[in-house]
Protein backbone atom coordinates (compact mmCIF):
# COMPACT_ATOMS: atom_id res chain seq x y z
CA UNK A 1 -12.30 12.78 -24.99
CA UNK A 2 -11.06 16.20 -23.84
CA UNK A 3 -14.57 17.28 -22.90
CA UNK A 4 -15.08 14.17 -20.75
CA UNK A 5 -11.68 14.22 -19.00
CA UNK A 6 -11.24 15.05 -15.33
CA UNK A 7 -9.07 18.13 -14.83
CA UNK A 8 -6.17 17.40 -12.49
CA UNK A 9 -5.66 21.06 -11.65
CA UNK A 10 -9.24 22.06 -10.79
CA UNK A 11 -12.70 20.64 -10.25
CA UNK A 12 -14.67 19.67 -13.35
CA UNK A 13 -13.67 18.54 -16.82
CA UNK A 14 -10.44 19.53 -18.52
CA UNK A 15 -10.86 23.02 -19.97
CA UNK A 16 -7.39 24.08 -21.07
CA UNK A 17 -4.26 22.71 -22.68
CA UNK A 18 -3.23 20.90 -19.50
CA UNK A 19 -3.68 17.13 -19.43
CA UNK A 20 -6.48 15.47 -17.54
CA UNK A 21 -7.47 11.90 -16.66
CA UNK A 22 -9.46 10.41 -19.54
CA UNK A 23 -12.80 8.95 -18.43
CA UNK A 24 -13.21 6.10 -20.88
CA UNK A 25 -16.91 5.47 -20.31
CA UNK A 26 -17.83 9.13 -20.78
CA UNK A 27 -15.68 9.29 -23.91
CA UNK A 28 -17.35 6.22 -25.42
CA UNK A 29 -20.75 7.70 -24.67
CA UNK A 30 -19.84 10.97 -26.36
CA UNK A 31 -18.63 9.07 -29.43
CA UNK A 32 -21.75 6.85 -29.44
CA UNK A 33 -19.61 3.73 -29.49
CA UNK A 34 -21.49 0.49 -28.82
CA UNK A 35 -20.01 -1.77 -26.16
CA UNK A 36 -20.81 -4.49 -23.66
CA UNK A 37 -21.40 -4.89 -19.97
CA UNK A 38 -18.36 -5.72 -17.84
CA UNK A 39 -18.95 -7.23 -14.40
CA UNK A 40 -16.35 -6.68 -11.67
CA UNK A 41 -16.12 -6.81 -7.89
CA UNK A 42 -17.21 -3.90 -5.74
CA UNK A 43 -16.84 -4.31 -1.98
CA UNK A 44 -16.55 -7.72 -0.31
CA UNK A 45 -17.37 -8.09 3.39
CA UNK A 46 -17.09 -11.40 5.27
CA UNK A 47 -18.14 -11.64 8.92
CA UNK A 48 -18.59 -14.45 11.41
CA UNK A 49 -22.22 -15.63 11.40
CA UNK A 50 -22.73 -17.46 13.66
CA UNK A 51 -19.58 -16.98 15.76
CA UNK A 52 -18.31 -15.84 19.12
CA UNK A 53 -18.47 -12.08 18.39
CA UNK A 54 -14.66 -11.84 18.47
CA UNK A 55 -14.59 -9.88 15.23
CA UNK A 56 -12.67 -12.60 13.35
CA UNK A 57 -13.75 -15.77 11.55
CA UNK A 58 -12.19 -18.60 13.52
CA UNK A 59 -12.05 -22.41 13.32
CA UNK A 60 -15.44 -24.02 13.95
CA UNK A 61 -17.39 -20.87 13.09
CA UNK A 62 -19.81 -19.97 10.33
CA UNK A 63 -19.51 -16.89 8.17
CA UNK A 64 -21.49 -14.79 5.74
CA UNK A 65 -20.07 -13.08 2.67
CA UNK A 66 -21.75 -10.02 1.18
CA UNK A 67 -20.33 -9.61 -2.32
CA UNK A 68 -21.02 -6.45 -4.25
CA UNK A 69 -20.83 -6.58 -8.05
CA UNK A 70 -20.52 -3.54 -10.28
CA UNK A 71 -20.91 -3.00 -14.00
CA UNK A 72 -17.93 -1.12 -15.45
CA UNK A 73 -19.06 -1.60 -19.01
CA UNK A 74 -21.01 0.59 -21.42
CA UNK A 75 -24.13 -1.61 -21.67
CA UNK A 76 -26.56 -2.82 -19.01
CA UNK A 77 -26.04 -6.25 -17.42
CA UNK A 78 -29.21 -8.29 -16.90
CA UNK A 79 -30.28 -11.77 -15.70
CA UNK A 80 -27.31 -11.91 -13.33
CA UNK A 81 -26.57 -14.99 -11.21
CA UNK A 82 -23.37 -15.83 -9.34
CA UNK A 83 -22.07 -19.12 -7.90
CA UNK A 84 -19.53 -19.26 -5.07
CA UNK A 85 -16.94 -22.08 -4.83
CA UNK A 86 -13.65 -22.70 -3.04
CA UNK A 87 -10.71 -25.09 -3.29
CA UNK A 88 -9.34 -24.34 0.18
CA UNK A 89 -9.37 -27.44 2.44
CA UNK A 90 -11.41 -27.08 5.62
CA UNK A 91 -13.95 -24.66 4.10
CA UNK A 92 -17.51 -25.77 3.37
CA UNK A 93 -19.82 -23.52 1.36
CA UNK A 94 -23.49 -23.89 2.26
CA UNK A 95 -26.06 -24.66 -0.40
CA UNK A 96 -27.63 -23.03 -2.23
CA UNK A 97 -24.35 -21.43 -3.23
CA UNK A 98 -25.89 -19.42 -6.08
CA UNK A 99 -27.50 -16.00 -5.76
CA UNK A 100 -29.28 -13.69 -8.15
CA UNK A 101 -28.39 -10.01 -8.50
CA UNK A 102 -30.52 -7.09 -9.67
CA UNK A 103 -29.87 -5.76 -13.18
CA UNK A 104 -26.87 -3.42 -13.19
CA UNK A 105 -26.89 -0.27 -15.28
CA UNK A 106 -23.92 0.68 -17.43
CA UNK A 107 -21.15 2.87 -16.10
CA UNK A 108 -21.01 1.79 -12.46
CA UNK A 109 -24.34 0.26 -11.45
CA UNK A 110 -23.80 -1.93 -8.39
CA UNK A 111 -25.64 -4.19 -5.96
CA UNK A 112 -25.16 -6.89 -3.32
CA UNK A 113 -26.21 -10.52 -3.68
CA UNK A 114 -29.95 -11.04 -3.08
CA UNK A 115 -29.41 -14.38 -1.29
CA UNK A 116 -26.70 -14.81 1.37
CA UNK A 117 -23.46 -16.64 0.65
CA UNK A 118 -22.54 -18.68 3.74
CA UNK A 119 -19.60 -20.91 4.58
CA UNK A 120 -18.19 -22.78 7.59
CA UNK A 121 -14.59 -23.15 8.77
CA UNK A 122 -13.84 -26.67 10.01
CA UNK A 123 -13.07 -26.99 13.71
CA UNK A 124 -9.64 -28.45 12.92
CA UNK A 125 -8.76 -25.89 10.21
CA UNK A 126 -5.50 -24.00 10.82
CA UNK A 127 -6.13 -20.34 11.68
CA UNK A 128 -5.11 -17.83 10.52
CA UNK A 129 -5.98 -19.27 7.11
CA UNK A 130 -6.26 -17.42 3.80
CA UNK A 131 -9.32 -18.80 2.02
CA UNK A 132 -9.42 -18.61 -1.78
CA UNK A 133 -12.87 -18.19 -3.35
CA UNK A 134 -14.09 -18.19 -6.95
CA UNK A 135 -17.28 -16.39 -8.00
CA UNK A 136 -18.60 -17.43 -11.40
CA UNK A 137 -20.99 -14.79 -12.77
CA UNK A 138 -23.45 -15.45 -15.58
CA UNK A 139 -25.25 -12.51 -17.15
CA UNK A 140 -26.65 -11.09 -20.36
CA UNK A 141 -25.14 -8.05 -22.06
CA UNK A 142 -21.46 -8.94 -21.99
CA UNK A 143 -18.89 -11.75 -22.00
CA UNK A 144 -20.30 -14.53 -19.85
CA UNK A 145 -19.51 -16.36 -17.67
CA UNK A 146 -17.10 -14.05 -15.85
CA UNK A 147 -14.84 -15.84 -13.37
CA UNK A 148 -13.70 -13.64 -10.47
CA UNK A 149 -11.45 -14.64 -7.57
CA UNK A 150 -10.94 -13.18 -4.09
CA UNK A 151 -9.59 -14.18 -0.70
CA UNK A 152 -10.89 -13.98 2.87
CA UNK A 153 -8.57 -14.03 5.86
CA UNK A 154 -9.71 -16.15 8.80
CA UNK A 155 -8.24 -15.80 12.27
CA UNK A 156 -6.42 -12.72 13.53
CA UNK A 157 -3.84 -11.29 11.14
CA UNK A 158 -2.56 -8.04 12.68
CA UNK A 159 1.19 -7.73 13.35
CA UNK A 160 2.51 -6.91 16.81
CA UNK A 161 2.17 -3.10 16.52
CA UNK A 162 -1.43 -3.63 15.51
CA UNK A 163 -2.35 -5.74 18.53
CA UNK A 164 -3.25 -2.38 20.03
CA UNK A 165 -6.55 -2.51 18.19
CA UNK A 166 -7.77 -5.39 20.31
CA UNK A 167 -6.11 -5.04 23.70
CA UNK A 168 -7.23 -1.79 25.31
CA UNK A 169 -7.99 -2.81 28.92
CA UNK A 170 -11.49 -1.31 28.83
CA UNK A 171 -12.35 -3.46 25.81
CA UNK A 172 -12.11 -7.28 25.53
CA UNK A 173 -10.17 -8.78 22.60
CA UNK A 174 -12.09 -8.50 19.34
CA UNK A 175 -14.61 -5.98 20.63
CA UNK A 176 -12.97 -3.06 18.84
CA UNK A 177 -13.42 -4.67 15.42
CA UNK A 178 -17.03 -5.42 16.32
CA UNK A 179 -17.60 -1.81 17.39
CA UNK A 180 -16.17 -0.34 14.19
CA UNK A 181 -18.10 -2.74 11.98
CA UNK A 182 -21.23 -1.85 13.93
CA UNK A 183 -20.73 1.74 12.80
CA UNK A 184 -20.47 0.52 9.20
CA UNK A 185 -16.76 1.35 9.18
CA UNK A 186 -13.35 -0.31 9.04
CA UNK A 187 -9.87 0.16 10.44
CA UNK A 188 -6.28 -0.26 9.36
CA UNK A 189 -2.81 -0.19 10.89
CA UNK A 190 0.76 -0.43 9.62
CA UNK A 191 4.33 0.36 10.59
CA UNK A 192 6.95 2.09 8.43
CA UNK A 193 10.58 2.88 9.19
CA UNK A 194 9.63 6.33 10.53
CA UNK A 195 6.16 6.03 12.06
CA UNK A 196 3.27 3.79 13.05
CA UNK A 197 -0.16 4.53 11.59
CA UNK A 198 -3.71 3.75 12.72
CA UNK A 199 -6.86 4.87 10.97
CA UNK A 200 -10.57 4.39 11.51
CA UNK A 201 -13.06 5.05 8.71
CA UNK A 202 -16.60 5.64 9.98
CA UNK A 203 -19.67 7.71 9.04
CA UNK A 204 -19.33 11.32 10.21
CA UNK A 205 -22.04 10.82 12.83
CA UNK A 206 -19.71 8.44 14.73
CA UNK A 207 -16.62 10.65 14.79
CA UNK A 208 -16.60 11.02 18.59
CA UNK A 209 -16.60 7.28 19.50
CA UNK A 210 -14.05 6.71 16.71
CA UNK A 211 -11.79 9.40 18.18
CA UNK A 212 -12.24 7.96 21.69
CA UNK A 213 -11.34 4.54 20.32
CA UNK A 214 -8.08 5.83 18.79
CA UNK A 215 -7.17 7.55 22.06
CA UNK A 216 -7.89 4.34 23.97
CA UNK A 217 -5.72 2.34 21.58
CA UNK A 218 -2.94 4.91 21.82
CA UNK A 219 -2.46 4.83 25.60
CA UNK A 220 -4.42 1.96 27.16
CA UNK A 221 -3.27 -1.24 25.43
CA UNK A 222 -2.78 -4.13 27.86
CA UNK A 223 -0.98 -6.69 25.64
CA UNK A 224 -2.69 -9.86 26.85
CA UNK A 225 0.07 -12.54 26.89
CA UNK A 226 -2.00 -15.07 24.94
CA UNK A 227 -2.73 -12.45 22.26
CA UNK A 228 0.95 -11.52 22.07
CA UNK A 229 2.01 -15.13 21.52
CA UNK A 230 -0.63 -15.53 18.81
CA UNK A 231 0.66 -12.40 17.07
CA UNK A 232 4.20 -13.73 17.12
CA UNK A 233 3.07 -16.65 14.99
CA UNK A 234 1.49 -14.23 12.53
CA UNK A 235 4.74 -12.26 12.32
CA UNK A 236 6.72 -15.45 11.70
CA UNK A 237 4.38 -16.29 8.81
CA UNK A 238 4.85 -12.77 7.41
CA UNK A 239 8.62 -13.35 7.59
CA UNK A 240 8.20 -16.57 5.60
CA UNK A 241 6.17 -14.74 2.94
CA UNK A 242 8.82 -12.03 2.69
CA UNK A 243 11.55 -14.63 2.35
CA UNK A 244 9.69 -16.65 -0.29
CA UNK A 245 8.68 -13.74 -2.54
CA UNK A 246 11.71 -12.85 -4.72
CA UNK A 247 10.54 -9.28 -5.44
CA UNK A 248 9.92 -8.47 -1.77
CA UNK A 249 13.16 -10.21 -0.81
CA UNK A 250 15.13 -8.14 -3.35
CA UNK A 251 13.60 -4.87 -2.11
CA UNK A 252 14.39 -5.69 1.50
CA UNK A 253 17.93 -6.87 0.69
CA UNK A 254 18.61 -3.65 -1.24
CA UNK A 255 17.69 -1.58 1.80
CA UNK A 256 19.82 -3.77 4.04
CA UNK A 257 22.79 -3.36 1.70
CA UNK A 258 22.36 0.39 1.22
CA UNK A 259 21.99 1.10 4.96
CA UNK A 260 24.34 -1.29 6.74
CA UNK A 261 24.45 -0.44 10.45
CA UNK A 262 21.45 1.92 10.26
CA UNK A 263 17.82 1.20 11.29
CA UNK A 264 16.79 1.60 7.62
CA UNK A 265 18.92 -1.47 6.95
CA UNK A 266 16.88 -3.66 9.29
CA UNK A 267 13.64 -5.48 8.59
CA UNK A 268 10.57 -3.71 9.96
CA UNK A 269 9.37 -7.10 11.18
CA UNK A 270 12.57 -7.62 13.19
CA UNK A 271 14.41 -10.94 13.44
CA UNK A 272 13.00 -14.27 14.51
CA UNK A 273 15.15 -14.21 17.63
CA UNK A 274 13.98 -10.75 18.70
CA UNK A 275 10.31 -11.56 18.13
CA UNK A 276 10.59 -14.99 19.77
CA UNK A 277 12.23 -13.61 22.91
CA UNK A 278 10.09 -10.46 23.17
CA UNK A 279 8.25 -10.34 26.51
CA UNK A 280 5.10 -8.52 27.45
CA UNK A 281 7.08 -6.32 29.86
CA UNK A 282 9.56 -5.28 27.14
CA UNK A 283 6.77 -4.44 24.70
CA UNK A 284 4.79 -2.53 27.32
CA UNK A 285 7.86 -0.53 28.37
CA UNK A 286 8.48 0.56 24.77
CA UNK A 287 4.78 1.39 24.35
CA UNK A 288 4.68 3.56 27.47
CA UNK A 289 7.85 5.37 26.39
CA UNK A 290 6.96 6.11 22.75
CA UNK A 291 3.14 6.13 22.55
CA UNK A 292 2.70 9.49 24.28
CA UNK A 293 0.67 12.55 23.29
CA UNK A 294 3.58 14.76 22.13
CA UNK A 295 4.58 12.01 19.68
CA UNK A 296 1.12 11.80 18.07
CA UNK A 297 -0.50 13.49 15.10
CA UNK A 298 -4.31 13.40 14.82
CA UNK A 299 -5.86 13.97 11.38
CA UNK A 300 -9.61 14.09 10.74
CA UNK A 301 -10.92 14.23 7.17
CA UNK A 302 -14.63 14.42 6.40
CA UNK A 303 -17.79 16.54 6.14
CA UNK A 304 -17.43 18.08 9.59
CA UNK A 305 -17.03 21.70 10.81
CA UNK A 306 -13.48 22.49 11.87
CA UNK A 307 -14.67 23.97 15.15
CA UNK A 308 -16.52 20.77 16.05
CA UNK A 309 -13.49 18.60 15.32
CA UNK A 310 -11.17 20.86 17.32
CA UNK A 311 -13.54 20.76 20.29
CA UNK A 312 -13.76 16.97 20.13
CA UNK A 313 -9.99 16.57 19.78
CA UNK A 314 -9.39 18.82 22.78
CA UNK A 315 -11.96 16.96 24.84
CA UNK A 316 -10.74 13.47 23.95
CA UNK A 317 -6.99 13.81 23.42
CA UNK A 318 -6.52 16.79 25.72
CA UNK A 319 -6.99 14.45 28.67
CA UNK A 320 -3.87 12.45 27.74
CA UNK A 321 -0.76 13.11 29.78
CA UNK A 322 1.67 15.42 27.99
CA UNK A 323 4.73 13.37 28.93
CA UNK A 324 7.45 13.88 26.36
CA UNK A 325 9.22 10.87 24.90
CA UNK A 326 13.02 10.74 25.25
CA UNK A 327 14.88 11.75 22.06
CA UNK A 328 15.33 8.98 19.55
CA UNK A 329 18.94 7.88 19.12
CA UNK A 330 20.43 9.35 15.95
CA UNK A 331 22.45 7.00 13.76
CA UNK A 332 24.51 8.54 10.94
CA UNK A 333 23.55 7.51 7.40
CA UNK A 334 26.28 5.13 6.17
CA UNK A 335 28.19 6.33 3.13
CA UNK A 336 27.80 4.45 -0.16
CA UNK A 337 31.02 5.93 -1.58
CA UNK A 338 32.75 3.21 -3.56
CA UNK A 339 29.54 1.17 -3.72
CA UNK A 340 28.41 -1.95 -1.90
CA UNK A 341 27.72 -5.35 -3.51
CA UNK A 342 25.83 -8.49 -2.49
CA UNK A 343 25.12 -11.72 -4.40
CA UNK A 344 22.47 -14.11 -3.06
CA UNK A 345 21.67 -17.65 -4.20
CA UNK A 346 17.92 -18.27 -4.63
CA UNK A 347 15.79 -21.30 -5.56
CA UNK A 348 14.01 -19.52 -8.45
CA UNK A 349 15.09 -20.10 -12.04
CA UNK A 350 14.86 -16.40 -12.85
CA UNK A 351 17.52 -13.96 -11.66
CA UNK A 352 16.93 -10.60 -10.01
CA UNK A 353 18.98 -7.41 -10.18
CA UNK A 354 18.64 -4.39 -7.92
CA UNK A 355 20.54 -1.09 -7.80
CA UNK A 356 19.87 1.52 -5.11
CA UNK A 357 21.08 5.05 -4.43
CA UNK A 358 20.52 7.13 -1.30
CA UNK A 359 18.28 10.09 -2.20
CA UNK A 360 16.70 13.23 -0.67
CA UNK A 361 15.20 12.91 2.79
CA UNK A 362 12.02 14.72 3.81
CA UNK A 363 13.67 16.44 6.78
CA UNK A 364 16.92 17.36 5.04
CA UNK A 365 16.21 18.02 1.35
CA UNK A 366 12.46 18.45 0.89
CA UNK A 367 13.00 20.97 -1.90
CA UNK A 368 14.72 18.32 -4.05
CA UNK A 369 12.08 15.60 -3.67
CA UNK A 370 9.98 16.69 -6.66
CA UNK A 371 12.95 16.66 -9.04
CA UNK A 372 13.91 13.14 -7.97
CA UNK A 373 10.27 12.06 -8.28
CA UNK A 374 10.18 13.18 -11.92
CA UNK A 375 13.61 11.68 -12.61
CA UNK A 376 12.38 8.31 -11.33
CA UNK A 377 9.23 8.43 -13.49
CA UNK A 378 11.34 9.26 -16.57
CA UNK A 379 13.79 6.43 -15.86
CA UNK A 380 11.51 3.54 -15.05
CA UNK A 381 7.76 4.15 -14.82
CA UNK A 382 5.85 2.35 -17.55
CA UNK A 383 6.59 1.06 -21.06
CA UNK A 384 7.68 4.45 -22.44
CA UNK A 385 10.32 5.06 -19.76
CA UNK A 386 13.99 5.11 -20.71
CA UNK A 387 14.94 1.91 -18.92
CA UNK A 388 12.03 -0.01 -20.41
CA UNK A 389 12.72 1.27 -23.91
CA UNK A 390 16.49 0.70 -23.81
CA UNK A 391 17.15 -2.24 -21.51
CA UNK A 392 13.98 -4.26 -22.12
CA UNK A 393 12.75 -3.38 -25.63
CA UNK A 394 15.93 -2.49 -27.54
CA UNK A 395 18.57 -4.67 -25.87
CA UNK A 396 16.22 -7.48 -24.71
CA UNK A 397 18.24 -7.94 -21.51
CA UNK A 398 15.40 -8.11 -18.96
CA UNK A 399 11.85 -9.44 -18.70
CA UNK A 400 10.76 -6.48 -16.58
CA UNK A 401 12.35 -3.37 -15.09
CA UNK A 402 11.08 -0.61 -12.79
CA UNK A 403 12.38 2.42 -10.93
CA UNK A 404 10.99 3.68 -7.62
CA UNK A 405 11.68 6.44 -5.12
CA UNK A 406 10.70 6.05 -1.47
CA UNK A 407 10.97 9.13 0.72
CA UNK A 408 11.97 8.74 4.35
CA UNK A 409 12.70 11.17 7.14
CA UNK A 410 16.48 10.70 7.24
CA UNK A 411 17.31 9.33 3.79
CA UNK A 412 15.24 8.44 0.74
CA UNK A 413 16.11 5.60 -1.62
CA UNK A 414 15.93 5.35 -5.43
CA UNK A 415 15.82 1.72 -6.52
CA UNK A 416 15.93 0.07 -9.94
CA UNK A 417 14.89 -3.59 -9.97
CA UNK A 418 14.70 -6.08 -12.83
CA UNK A 419 13.83 -9.70 -13.55
CA UNK A 420 16.07 -11.38 -16.09
CA UNK A 421 18.09 -14.43 -17.13
CA UNK A 422 21.21 -14.93 -15.03
CA UNK A 423 23.43 -14.78 -18.13
CA UNK A 424 22.36 -11.13 -18.67
CA UNK A 425 23.18 -9.81 -15.19
CA UNK A 426 26.41 -8.04 -16.11
CA UNK A 427 25.12 -6.67 -19.41
CA UNK A 428 21.88 -5.42 -17.83
CA UNK A 429 23.73 -3.62 -15.06
CA UNK A 430 26.01 -1.94 -17.58
CA UNK A 431 23.01 -0.91 -19.72
CA UNK A 432 21.18 0.57 -16.71
CA UNK A 433 24.21 2.60 -15.70
CA UNK A 434 24.63 3.79 -19.29
CA UNK A 435 21.03 5.08 -19.38
CA UNK A 436 21.64 7.03 -16.17
CA UNK A 437 24.96 8.32 -17.47
CA UNK A 438 23.22 9.73 -20.55
CA UNK A 439 20.68 11.54 -18.37
CA UNK A 440 23.51 13.05 -16.34
CA UNK A 441 25.32 14.12 -19.49
CA UNK A 442 22.47 15.13 -21.82
CA UNK A 443 19.51 15.77 -19.54
CA UNK A 444 15.88 14.95 -20.36
CA UNK A 445 13.53 16.23 -23.04
CA UNK A 446 10.61 18.57 -22.48
CA UNK A 447 8.22 15.82 -23.62
CA UNK A 448 9.65 13.48 -20.97
CA UNK A 449 9.29 16.17 -18.32
CA UNK A 450 5.66 16.82 -19.25
CA UNK A 451 4.78 13.09 -19.29
CA UNK A 452 6.41 12.60 -15.91
CA UNK A 453 4.46 15.53 -14.42
CA UNK A 454 1.17 14.09 -15.73
CA UNK A 455 2.01 10.66 -14.30
CA UNK A 456 3.00 12.11 -10.94
CA UNK A 457 -0.14 14.26 -10.78
CA UNK A 458 -2.36 11.27 -11.52
CA UNK A 459 -0.59 9.09 -8.93
CA UNK A 460 -0.96 11.82 -6.32
CA UNK A 461 -4.64 12.32 -7.18
CA UNK A 462 -5.36 8.62 -6.68
CA UNK A 463 -3.40 8.53 -3.41
CA UNK A 464 -5.63 11.19 -1.85
CA UNK A 465 -8.97 10.44 -3.53
CA UNK A 466 -10.37 8.76 -0.38
CA UNK A 467 -10.77 10.24 3.09
CA UNK A 468 -8.38 7.69 4.58
CA UNK A 469 -5.83 8.30 1.80
CA UNK A 470 -5.87 12.05 2.38
CA UNK A 471 -5.64 11.60 6.16
CA UNK A 472 -2.69 9.24 5.71
CA UNK A 473 -0.83 11.72 3.49
CA UNK A 474 -1.40 14.62 5.87
CA UNK A 475 -0.47 12.56 8.92
CA UNK A 476 2.75 11.35 7.32
CA UNK A 477 3.60 14.93 6.33
CA UNK A 478 3.14 16.18 9.88
CA UNK A 479 5.25 13.29 11.17
CA UNK A 480 8.20 13.15 8.77
CA UNK A 481 8.27 16.57 7.10
CA UNK A 482 5.70 19.42 7.21
CA UNK A 483 2.10 19.92 6.14
CA UNK A 484 2.99 23.08 4.14
CA UNK A 485 5.49 21.00 2.14
CA UNK A 486 2.77 18.45 1.43
CA UNK A 487 0.28 21.12 0.37
CA UNK A 488 2.85 22.69 -1.97
CA UNK A 489 3.90 19.38 -3.53
CA UNK A 490 1.98 19.67 -6.81
CA UNK A 491 2.87 23.34 -7.26
CA UNK A 492 6.56 22.59 -6.80
CA UNK A 493 6.29 19.53 -9.04
CA UNK A 494 4.93 21.56 -11.95
CA UNK A 495 7.72 24.12 -11.57
CA UNK A 496 10.58 21.61 -11.80
CA UNK A 497 12.67 22.26 -14.91
CA UNK A 498 14.52 19.79 -17.11
CA UNK A 499 17.76 21.30 -15.81
CA UNK A 500 16.75 20.54 -12.21
CA UNK A 501 15.99 16.91 -13.13
CA UNK A 502 19.42 16.61 -14.75
CA UNK A 503 21.03 18.20 -11.68
CA UNK A 504 19.29 15.65 -9.42
CA UNK A 505 20.66 12.79 -11.54
CA UNK A 506 24.16 14.26 -11.30
CA UNK A 507 23.91 14.77 -7.54
CA UNK A 508 22.39 11.47 -6.48
CA UNK A 509 22.78 8.78 -9.17
CA UNK A 510 26.51 8.33 -9.58
CA UNK A 511 28.60 5.47 -10.99
CA UNK A 512 30.23 4.57 -7.68
CA UNK A 513 27.73 5.41 -4.92
CA UNK A 514 25.12 2.69 -5.27
CA UNK A 515 24.26 -0.62 -3.63
CA UNK A 516 23.87 -3.62 -5.92
CA UNK A 517 22.11 -6.88 -5.13
CA UNK A 518 21.96 -9.83 -7.52
CA UNK A 519 19.68 -12.81 -6.94
CA UNK A 520 21.24 -15.77 -8.72
CA UNK A 521 19.54 -19.12 -9.36
CA UNK A 522 21.20 -21.84 -7.32
CA UNK A 523 24.05 -23.29 -9.36
CA UNK A 524 24.25 -20.37 -11.79
CA UNK A 525 27.62 -18.74 -12.40
């Protein structure tokens, strides 16, 4: 197993006493263990066919799904056939709805369906609509049939900040998606509390048009009124999802409670009233004020010479006006001294408990981030963590419990959330605080420190294993802290001592400086 592990610290297999990531398939091969095939999804691409070339699958249009299967097992998969079905009203799958696949070799062999899977969206189907599909796979060499599920989004689904990807005045709505897909690429966009992010993933040969596209999106959006109104409906639906999901609701409510009166205490989506009353002129005025060249960070990751990328960036983005944005208003971080409490009645039968502490910010305390990262892993990451062992396994007070640390530019947040019976709310809170108190008083063990470092290294490796993941990390670093801090993260992480982890617990996780939110079933006392 050691010989087949990936070394976290350097390229190649693990060669020293440091821990690596075990590659199960390679280990089984080395041990000559017999196994079976294991079919799983690879990529899934659904496009309108036939449609109106808008880039989205809309009501009344046909679509084609290209479904890649891969064999993650240790034996070959042969005689593969797959049948596509759906239970979503308004969706008709064309016959034949079964396709053969080539034989897939063990350890990652993959292929697309040999016959097309096609479906039609009814003309009266509500869009956007999330379509649920089931793919039943029969094959020889492993457990069969294998039932796999996936979803396809019809209609436009981008939130308001992301309408930029379809409304540049030189490009009609939908044409940007079509352009990117024509390159064999894809795009993504999201908004956080501190920044808005856009990325385009394309083959290296298309880097120039991709860069020109991002520049066009950044400064030339037109915000077509009809598109804006359609996006408002999408945002309202996202608000409903956030309200209905108890875990997402608890996370949002914790932030609201911990940051009363600060932008971090508001929903990124805004309120229904603000979104409903938002006009095209208001949105365009904000866009022209904030989406300016000095506010942007461009990151390019890929097999390209640095000189070529710099020349392209200068040529494309150098033409943008260098108008500086006005300073952002600075709101003081509200104090949590004395704590802040909130109880919410919910329709679920299960209760929720959340505790949150303000933690190091990237701009203000970057040197403390690694210690708090490791502290959070030790407290609540996985079955062996202290909270899981004490509160869930030993005391049986919760069904699940987790700890997380989210870094932000002005103030990070450490949150502990749990699902439990309402009768255990007080006891679970007391047990959580007791676990933290022991860390403050006694510190952590060397074994805990080492396990936390391994977990953090693995999580970081997976975050940056793709080109878009690495670009996102570097772009966020340049926006909310510094690229040198990002590049030194793992080095600093490995140097954190048990004493520094204990000091972080003493500094940030006190008995009277946290926000608490309890989700109580309606009618529970």
